[in-house]
Amino acid sequence: GMMDTILNLGLNDDVVEGLAVKSGSARFAYDSYRRLLDMYGSVVVGIEREKFERALTAFKATVGVARDEDLSESDLRGVCDAYKAIYAEENLS
């Protein structure tokens, strides 16, 4: 089988802001953070992957986009907040 790879370890609410400045792209930084929250939650912590997928799908529907790439930096901040809420629901915040 294929192993899941967790990239972007070390990102958190503070570091993501620094990455946005250093990279010159807040969208890139928050997309990286979103991916970390998803992968770490599902692979390491054991949160059902579907919870993250449902949150992302619902968020895209709310803002009216079909593809992940169409999410703005502001949208991705919201997705990260939704993902962090999943951790909180699992008592892992």
N, C-alpha and C. Protein backbone atom coordinates (compact mmCIF):
# COMPACT_ATOMS: atom_id res chain seq x y z
N GLY A 1 0.82 -1.19 0.00
CA GLY A 1 0.00 0.00 0.00
C GLY A 1 0.86 1.25 0.00
N MET A 2 0.20 2.34 -0.13
CA MET A 2 0.89 3.62 -0.17
C MET A 2 0.90 4.25 1.23
N MET A 3 2.05 4.74 1.63
CA MET A 3 2.14 5.39 2.94
C MET A 3 1.72 6.85 2.82
N ASP A 4 1.01 7.32 3.83
CA ASP A 4 0.68 8.75 3.88
C ASP A 4 1.90 9.51 4.35
N THR A 5 2.16 10.63 3.74
CA THR A 5 3.29 11.47 4.11
C THR A 5 2.76 12.74 4.74
N ILE A 6 3.32 13.08 5.87
CA ILE A 6 2.92 14.30 6.55
C ILE A 6 4.01 15.34 6.33
N LEU A 7 3.67 16.36 5.60
CA LEU A 7 4.60 17.45 5.33
C LEU A 7 4.22 18.64 6.19
N ASN A 8 5.08 19.60 6.24
CA ASN A 8 4.79 20.88 6.90
C ASN A 8 4.75 20.78 8.42
N LEU A 9 5.39 19.75 8.99
CA LEU A 9 5.44 19.65 10.44
C LEU A 9 6.10 20.91 10.99
N GLY A 10 5.60 21.39 12.07
CA GLY A 10 6.15 22.59 12.67
C GLY A 10 5.28 23.81 12.44
N LEU A 11 4.35 23.73 11.52
CA LEU A 11 3.44 24.86 11.32
C LEU A 11 2.47 24.93 12.49
N ASN A 12 2.21 26.12 12.92
CA ASN A 12 1.18 26.37 13.93
C ASN A 12 0.63 27.78 13.67
N ASP A 13 -0.23 28.26 14.54
CA ASP A 13 -0.87 29.56 14.30
C ASP A 13 0.13 30.70 14.18
N ASP A 14 1.26 30.62 14.88
CA ASP A 14 2.26 31.68 14.81
C ASP A 14 3.19 31.50 13.61
N VAL A 15 3.67 30.29 13.42
CA VAL A 15 4.64 30.01 12.36
C VAL A 15 4.03 30.24 10.97
N VAL A 16 2.74 29.94 10.81
CA VAL A 16 2.11 30.11 9.50
C VAL A 16 2.17 31.58 9.06
N GLU A 17 2.10 32.50 10.01
CA GLU A 17 2.19 33.92 9.67
C GLU A 17 3.60 34.25 9.16
N GLY A 18 4.61 33.69 9.81
CA GLY A 18 5.99 33.90 9.35
C GLY A 18 6.22 33.31 7.97
N LEU A 19 5.64 32.12 7.73
CA LEU A 19 5.77 31.49 6.41
C LEU A 19 5.12 32.36 5.35
N ALA A 20 3.99 32.96 5.68
CA ALA A 20 3.30 33.84 4.73
C ALA A 20 4.20 35.01 4.36
N VAL A 21 4.86 35.59 5.34
CA VAL A 21 5.75 36.73 5.07
C VAL A 21 6.97 36.29 4.27
N LYS A 22 7.63 35.23 4.73
CA LYS A 22 8.86 34.75 4.07
C LYS A 22 8.61 34.30 2.63
N SER A 23 7.48 33.63 2.41
CA SER A 23 7.20 33.10 1.07
C SER A 23 6.58 34.16 0.17
N GLY A 24 6.03 35.20 0.78
CA GLY A 24 5.34 36.22 0.00
C GLY A 24 3.95 35.80 -0.43
N SER A 25 3.47 34.69 0.12
CA SER A 25 2.15 34.19 -0.27
C SER A 25 1.41 33.62 0.94
N ALA A 26 0.49 34.41 1.46
CA ALA A 26 -0.33 33.93 2.58
C ALA A 26 -1.20 32.76 2.13
N ARG A 27 -1.61 32.75 0.87
CA ARG A 27 -2.42 31.64 0.37
C ARG A 27 -1.64 30.33 0.45
N PHE A 28 -0.38 30.36 0.01
CA PHE A 28 0.49 29.19 0.09
C PHE A 28 0.64 28.73 1.55
N ALA A 29 0.88 29.67 2.44
CA ALA A 29 1.09 29.33 3.85
C ALA A 29 -0.14 28.66 4.45
N TYR A 30 -1.32 29.23 4.20
CA TYR A 30 -2.53 28.65 4.78
C TYR A 30 -2.96 27.36 4.10
N ASP A 31 -2.64 27.20 2.83
CA ASP A 31 -2.92 25.92 2.18
C ASP A 31 -2.02 24.84 2.78
N SER A 32 -0.76 25.18 3.05
CA SER A 32 0.16 24.23 3.70
C SER A 32 -0.34 23.86 5.08
N TYR A 33 -0.80 24.84 5.83
CA TYR A 33 -1.31 24.60 7.18
C TYR A 33 -2.55 23.73 7.14
N ARG A 34 -3.43 24.01 6.20
CA ARG A 34 -4.64 23.19 6.03
C ARG A 34 -4.28 21.73 5.80
N ARG A 35 -3.31 21.52 4.94
CA ARG A 35 -2.89 20.15 4.62
C ARG A 35 -2.28 19.46 5.84
N LEU A 36 -1.49 20.21 6.61
CA LEU A 36 -0.91 19.63 7.82
C LEU A 36 -2.00 19.23 8.81
N LEU A 37 -2.93 20.13 9.06
CA LEU A 37 -4.01 19.83 10.00
C LEU A 37 -4.78 18.58 9.58
N ASP A 38 -5.04 18.45 8.29
CA ASP A 38 -5.75 17.29 7.75
C ASP A 38 -4.93 16.02 7.93
N MET A 39 -3.71 16.02 7.41
CA MET A 39 -2.89 14.80 7.43
C MET A 39 -2.51 14.39 8.84
N TYR A 40 -2.09 15.33 9.66
CA TYR A 40 -1.70 15.00 11.03
C TYR A 40 -2.90 14.45 11.80
N GLY A 41 -4.03 15.10 11.62
CA GLY A 41 -5.24 14.66 12.33
C GLY A 41 -5.66 13.26 11.94
N SER A 42 -5.62 12.98 10.66
CA SER A 42 -6.10 11.66 10.22
C SER A 42 -5.05 10.56 10.38
N VAL A 43 -3.78 10.86 10.13
CA VAL A 43 -2.75 9.82 10.18
C VAL A 43 -2.21 9.59 11.59
N VAL A 44 -1.89 10.65 12.29
CA VAL A 44 -1.24 10.52 13.59
C VAL A 44 -2.26 10.42 14.72
N VAL A 45 -3.23 11.32 14.72
CA VAL A 45 -4.18 11.40 15.82
C VAL A 45 -5.30 10.38 15.68
N GLY A 46 -5.65 10.04 14.45
CA GLY A 46 -6.70 9.04 14.22
C GLY A 46 -8.09 9.61 14.04
N ILE A 47 -8.18 10.89 13.74
CA ILE A 47 -9.48 11.49 13.44
C ILE A 47 -9.92 10.97 12.07
N GLU A 48 -11.17 10.63 11.94
CA GLU A 48 -11.67 10.14 10.65
C GLU A 48 -11.42 11.16 9.55
N ARG A 49 -10.79 10.74 8.49
CA ARG A 49 -10.45 11.63 7.37
C ARG A 49 -11.70 12.28 6.79
N GLU A 50 -12.79 11.55 6.83
CA GLU A 50 -14.05 12.05 6.27
C GLU A 50 -14.50 13.34 6.95
N LYS A 51 -14.17 13.51 8.22
CA LYS A 51 -14.56 14.74 8.92
C LYS A 51 -13.90 15.96 8.27
N PHE A 52 -12.65 15.83 7.90
CA PHE A 52 -11.95 16.92 7.23
C PHE A 52 -12.50 17.13 5.81
N GLU A 53 -12.77 16.03 5.13
CA GLU A 53 -13.32 16.14 3.77
C GLU A 53 -14.69 16.80 3.79
N ARG A 54 -15.53 16.42 4.73
CA ARG A 54 -16.86 17.04 4.84
C ARG A 54 -16.75 18.53 5.14
N ALA A 55 -15.85 18.90 6.03
CA ALA A 55 -15.67 20.31 6.38
C ALA A 55 -15.19 21.11 5.16
N LEU A 56 -14.25 20.54 4.41
CA LEU A 56 -13.73 21.23 3.21
C LEU A 56 -14.81 21.36 2.16
N THR A 57 -15.55 20.30 1.92
CA THR A 57 -16.63 20.33 0.93
C THR A 57 -17.69 21.36 1.30
N ALA A 58 -18.06 21.39 2.57
CA ALA A 58 -19.06 22.35 3.04
C ALA A 58 -18.55 23.78 2.90
N PHE A 59 -17.28 23.99 3.22
CA PHE A 59 -16.72 25.34 3.12
C PHE A 59 -16.69 25.79 1.66
N LYS A 60 -16.28 24.91 0.75
CA LYS A 60 -16.26 25.27 -0.67
C LYS A 60 -17.66 25.60 -1.16
N ALA A 61 -18.65 24.87 -0.73
CA ALA A 61 -20.03 25.15 -1.13
C ALA A 61 -20.47 26.51 -0.60
N THR A 62 -20.09 26.82 0.62
CA THR A 62 -20.46 28.11 1.24
C THR A 62 -19.89 29.29 0.47
N VAL A 63 -18.62 29.16 0.04
CA VAL A 63 -18.00 30.29 -0.68
C VAL A 63 -18.19 30.20 -2.19
N GLY A 64 -18.80 29.12 -2.65
CA GLY A 64 -19.15 29.02 -4.06
C GLY A 64 -18.02 28.64 -5.00
N VAL A 65 -17.12 27.77 -4.53
CA VAL A 65 -16.06 27.28 -5.42
C VAL A 65 -16.14 25.76 -5.50
N ALA A 66 -15.64 25.23 -6.60
CA ALA A 66 -15.70 23.78 -6.81
C ALA A 66 -14.37 23.09 -6.49
N ARG A 67 -13.26 23.81 -6.69
CA ARG A 67 -11.94 23.19 -6.53
C ARG A 67 -11.17 23.82 -5.38
N ASP A 68 -10.32 23.01 -4.75
CA ASP A 68 -9.49 23.51 -3.65
C ASP A 68 -8.65 24.71 -4.11
N GLU A 69 -8.14 24.63 -5.33
CA GLU A 69 -7.27 25.70 -5.86
C GLU A 69 -7.98 27.04 -5.96
N ASP A 70 -9.30 27.02 -5.98
CA ASP A 70 -10.06 28.26 -6.12
C ASP A 70 -10.33 28.95 -4.78
N LEU A 71 -9.91 28.32 -3.69
CA LEU A 71 -10.08 28.94 -2.37
C LEU A 71 -9.07 30.07 -2.21
N SER A 72 -9.52 31.19 -1.72
CA SER A 72 -8.64 32.34 -1.49
C SER A 72 -7.88 32.15 -0.17
N GLU A 73 -6.94 33.05 0.08
CA GLU A 73 -6.21 33.02 1.35
C GLU A 73 -7.19 33.14 2.51
N SER A 74 -8.13 34.03 2.41
CA SER A 74 -9.13 34.21 3.46
C SER A 74 -9.96 32.93 3.64
N ASP A 75 -10.34 32.32 2.53
CA ASP A 75 -11.08 31.05 2.59
C ASP A 75 -10.26 29.99 3.32
N LEU A 76 -8.98 29.90 2.98
CA LEU A 76 -8.13 28.87 3.59
C LEU A 76 -7.94 29.11 5.08
N ARG A 77 -7.92 30.35 5.50
CA ARG A 77 -7.90 30.64 6.93
C ARG A 77 -9.16 30.06 7.59
N GLY A 78 -10.29 30.22 6.92
CA GLY A 78 -11.55 29.68 7.43
C GLY A 78 -11.55 28.16 7.48
N VAL A 79 -10.97 27.54 6.46
CA VAL A 79 -10.87 26.07 6.45
C VAL A 79 -10.00 25.61 7.62
N CYS A 80 -8.89 26.31 7.84
CA CYS A 80 -8.02 25.95 8.98
C CYS A 80 -8.79 26.07 10.29
N ASP A 81 -9.58 27.11 10.42
CA ASP A 81 -10.40 27.26 11.63
C ASP A 81 -11.40 26.11 11.76
N ALA A 82 -12.00 25.71 10.64
CA ALA A 82 -12.94 24.58 10.67
C ALA A 82 -12.23 23.29 11.06
N TYR A 83 -11.02 23.10 10.56
CA TYR A 83 -10.25 21.91 10.91
C TYR A 83 -9.87 21.93 12.38
N LYS A 84 -9.48 23.09 12.90
CA LYS A 84 -9.14 23.19 14.32
C LYS A 84 -10.38 22.92 15.18
N ALA A 85 -11.56 23.29 14.69
CA ALA A 85 -12.79 22.98 15.41
C ALA A 85 -13.01 21.47 15.49
N ILE A 86 -12.60 20.75 14.46
CA ILE A 86 -12.71 19.28 14.49
C ILE A 86 -11.83 18.73 15.60
N TYR A 87 -10.61 19.25 15.71
CA TYR A 87 -9.73 18.81 16.81
C TYR A 87 -10.41 19.09 18.15
N ALA A 88 -11.02 20.28 18.28
CA ALA A 88 -11.69 20.65 19.54
C ALA A 88 -12.85 19.70 19.84
N GLU A 89 -13.61 19.33 18.80
CA GLU A 89 -14.72 18.39 18.98
C GLU A 89 -14.21 17.03 19.46
N GLU A 90 -12.99 16.71 19.06
CA GLU A 90 -12.37 15.43 19.46
C GLU A 90 -11.62 15.59 20.79
N ASN A 91 -11.78 16.78 21.42
CA ASN A 91 -11.08 17.10 22.68
C ASN A 91 -9.56 17.06 22.52
N LEU A 92 -9.09 17.58 21.39
CA LEU A 92 -7.65 17.56 21.09
C LEU A 92 -7.11 18.95 20.80
N SER A 93 -7.80 19.99 21.18
CA SER A 93 -7.33 21.34 20.83
C SER A 93 -6.21 21.79 21.75
